[in-house]
Amino acid sequence: MSEVRWLSDEEQAVWRSYLAATTMLREHIERRLQRDAQMPQTYYEVLVALSEAPDMKLRMSELADASRSSRSKLSHAVNRMERSGWISRDDCDVDRRGSWARLTEKGFAVIHAAAPDHVTTVREALFDVLTPEQVRQLGEISAAIAGNLAGECAKVRAEEGTL
């Protein structure tokens, strides 16, 4: 067994600060979306992914990747949004096991109405407190972390099965 590389005092402080900041930011955005748009952040992310997709539709497996959702979380969210009339689901003509999720006009209106408040929340909570250099650094740091974890996350999604 290899020896554990314990965090230094500085690394421990950065880790705790990072956890606090990301947890508080996510909770803040979640509360604001619930208050202003009556939807959880998961739904917002799904609607955004569909609104940016060609023909406003994606295969469920692509939607899971785009919204960074687990299979079960995405299925639950899409079922609820389908009942609300925000999304329609169609069988995939190429692959009988797959299905398409499509943003409806009602769903587009919902995301269009929610976006301004959401962007304002993100801007005020994240970007307005950073200098332009810190924004650039945050982008580089986030890309490095995501790049490091992308393969592992894809492996876990593959083990769960595709939608």
Protein backbone atom coordinates (compact mmCIF):
# COMPACT_ATOMS: atom_id res chain seq x y z
CA MET A 1 0.00 0.00 0.00
CA SER A 2 1.38 3.39 -0.92
CA GLU A 3 1.78 6.08 1.67
CA VAL A 4 -0.96 8.70 1.88
CA ARG A 5 0.03 12.14 0.62
CA TRP A 6 -1.69 14.22 3.30
CA LEU A 7 -2.71 17.76 2.48
CA SER A 8 -0.46 20.53 3.67
CA ASP A 9 -1.95 23.21 5.92
CA GLU A 10 -2.26 25.50 2.88
CA GLU A 11 -3.86 22.76 0.74
CA GLN A 12 -6.29 21.93 3.56
CA ALA A 13 -7.31 25.60 3.84
CA VAL A 14 -7.75 25.89 0.05
CA TRP A 15 -9.75 22.65 -0.08
CA ARG A 16 -12.14 23.78 2.65
CA SER A 17 -12.50 27.22 1.10
CA TYR A 18 -13.21 25.64 -2.31
CA LEU A 19 -15.84 23.31 -0.80
CA ALA A 20 -17.53 26.14 1.05
CA ALA A 21 -17.54 28.41 -2.01
CA THR A 22 -18.86 25.81 -4.46
CA THR A 23 -21.47 24.47 -2.04
CA MET A 24 -22.70 27.95 -1.12
CA LEU A 25 -22.76 29.05 -4.78
CA ARG A 26 -24.74 26.00 -5.86
CA GLU A 27 -27.20 26.41 -2.96
CA HIS A 28 -27.60 30.13 -3.72
CA ILE A 29 -28.33 29.47 -7.40
CA GLU A 30 -30.71 26.63 -6.50
CA ARG A 31 -32.67 28.83 -4.07
CA ARG A 32 -32.93 31.67 -6.59
CA LEU A 33 -34.10 29.36 -9.41
CA GLN A 34 -36.69 27.85 -7.10
CA ARG A 35 -37.86 31.29 -5.99
CA ASP A 36 -37.77 33.07 -9.35
CA ALA A 37 -38.58 30.27 -11.83
CA GLN A 38 -40.12 27.56 -9.63
CA MET A 39 -37.68 24.94 -10.88
CA PRO A 40 -34.63 23.13 -9.54
CA GLN A 41 -31.24 23.75 -11.11
CA THR A 42 -31.29 20.26 -12.64
CA TYR A 43 -34.34 21.20 -14.73
CA TYR A 44 -32.73 24.47 -15.76
CA GLU A 45 -29.59 22.64 -16.94
CA VAL A 46 -31.66 20.14 -18.94
CA LEU A 47 -33.70 22.92 -20.57
CA VAL A 48 -30.53 24.87 -21.43
CA ALA A 49 -28.91 21.79 -22.99
CA LEU A 50 -32.00 21.21 -25.14
CA SER A 51 -32.34 24.89 -26.09
CA GLU A 52 -28.75 24.90 -27.38
CA ALA A 53 -29.02 21.61 -29.30
CA PRO A 54 -29.76 21.37 -33.02
CA ASP A 55 -33.53 21.27 -33.51
CA MET A 56 -33.77 21.62 -29.70
CA LYS A 57 -33.56 17.85 -29.25
CA LEU A 58 -31.02 15.38 -27.92
CA ARG A 59 -30.86 11.66 -27.37
CA MET A 60 -31.33 10.92 -23.70
CA SER A 61 -27.74 9.67 -23.41
CA GLU A 62 -26.47 12.93 -24.92
CA LEU A 63 -28.74 14.92 -22.62
CA ALA A 64 -27.33 13.09 -19.59
CA ASP A 65 -23.82 14.06 -20.67
CA ALA A 66 -24.75 17.65 -21.52
CA SER A 67 -26.57 18.22 -18.23
CA ARG A 68 -24.08 16.20 -16.17
CA SER A 69 -26.93 14.15 -14.73
CA SER A 70 -27.05 10.56 -13.64
CA ARG A 71 -29.36 8.25 -15.56
CA SER A 72 -31.93 8.02 -12.79
CA LYS A 73 -31.87 11.74 -11.96
CA LEU A 74 -32.32 12.65 -15.63
CA SER A 75 -35.16 10.16 -16.16
CA HIS A 76 -37.01 11.56 -13.17
CA ALA A 77 -36.46 15.17 -14.30
CA VAL A 78 -37.54 14.48 -17.90
CA ASN A 79 -40.66 12.64 -16.72
CA ARG A 80 -41.67 15.64 -14.59
CA MET A 81 -40.88 18.16 -17.33
CA GLU A 82 -42.78 16.03 -19.86
CA ARG A 83 -45.86 16.12 -17.59
CA SER A 84 -45.46 19.92 -17.36
CA GLY A 85 -45.37 20.14 -21.15
CA TRP A 86 -41.81 21.51 -21.26
CA ILE A 87 -40.31 18.47 -23.02
CA SER A 88 -41.66 15.81 -25.35
CA ARG A 89 -40.07 12.42 -25.78
CA ASP A 90 -39.94 10.39 -28.97
CA ASP A 91 -38.64 6.92 -29.75
CA CYS A 92 -35.34 6.81 -31.59
CA ASP A 93 -35.86 5.43 -35.08
CA VAL A 94 -32.23 4.29 -35.34
CA ASP A 95 -31.91 2.60 -31.97
CA ARG A 96 -35.06 1.11 -30.42
CA ARG A 97 -33.51 1.26 -26.93
CA GLY A 98 -32.92 5.00 -27.09
CA SER A 99 -35.23 7.97 -27.12
CA TRP A 100 -35.12 11.65 -27.99
CA ALA A 101 -35.98 14.51 -25.66
CA ARG A 102 -37.24 17.62 -27.43
CA LEU A 103 -37.82 21.07 -25.97
CA THR A 104 -41.40 22.19 -26.58
CA GLU A 105 -42.53 25.76 -27.23
CA LYS A 106 -43.77 25.90 -23.65
CA GLY A 107 -40.38 24.66 -22.40
CA PHE A 108 -38.59 27.26 -24.52
CA ALA A 109 -40.80 29.99 -23.04
CA VAL A 110 -39.98 28.75 -19.53
CA ILE A 111 -36.20 28.80 -20.10
CA HIS A 112 -36.43 32.13 -21.91
CA ALA A 113 -38.25 33.64 -18.91
CA ALA A 114 -35.88 32.10 -16.33
CA ALA A 115 -32.59 32.95 -18.06
CA PRO A 116 -32.29 36.69 -17.22
CA ASP A 117 -32.67 36.19 -13.45
CA HIS A 118 -30.38 33.16 -13.54
CA VAL A 119 -27.64 35.01 -15.41
CA THR A 120 -27.94 37.95 -13.02
CA THR A 121 -27.60 35.59 -10.05
CA VAL A 122 -24.49 33.94 -11.53
CA ARG A 123 -22.95 37.29 -12.45
CA GLU A 124 -23.54 38.82 -9.01
CA ALA A 125 -22.49 35.76 -7.01
CA LEU A 126 -19.47 34.73 -9.06
CA PHE A 127 -18.14 37.09 -11.71
CA ASP A 128 -18.73 40.45 -10.05
CA VAL A 129 -16.53 39.49 -7.08
CA LEU A 130 -13.59 38.45 -9.29
CA THR A 131 -11.06 40.47 -11.25
CA PRO A 132 -10.69 39.73 -14.97
CA GLU A 133 -7.45 37.87 -14.17
CA GLN A 134 -9.21 35.75 -11.53
CA VAL A 135 -11.97 34.92 -14.04
CA ARG A 136 -9.33 33.74 -16.51
CA GLN A 137 -7.59 31.71 -13.78
CA LEU A 138 -10.87 30.20 -12.61
CA GLY A 139 -11.58 29.12 -16.19
CA GLU A 140 -8.16 27.46 -16.46
CA ILE A 141 -8.48 25.79 -13.05
CA SER A 142 -12.00 24.54 -13.76
CA ALA A 143 -10.92 23.15 -17.15
CA ALA A 144 -7.98 21.34 -15.53
CA ILE A 145 -10.17 19.75 -12.87
CA ALA A 146 -12.89 18.79 -15.38
CA GLY A 147 -10.31 17.40 -17.79
CA ASN A 148 -8.80 15.28 -15.06
CA LEU A 149 -12.17 13.84 -14.04
CA ALA A 150 -13.80 13.48 -17.48
CA GLY A 151 -12.57 9.94 -18.12
CA GLU A 152 -13.58 8.68 -14.69
CA CYS A 153 -17.03 10.27 -14.96
CA ALA A 154 -17.55 8.76 -18.43
CA LYS A 155 -16.53 5.36 -17.07
CA VAL A 156 -19.07 5.60 -14.23
CA ARG A 157 -21.84 6.66 -16.65
CA ALA A 158 -20.97 3.71 -18.90
CA GLU A 159 -21.20 1.33 -15.94
CA GLU A 160 -24.65 2.75 -15.08
CA GLY A 161 -25.82 2.05 -18.62
CA THR A 162 -27.02 4.48 -21.23
CA LEU A 163 -30.42 6.07 -21.60
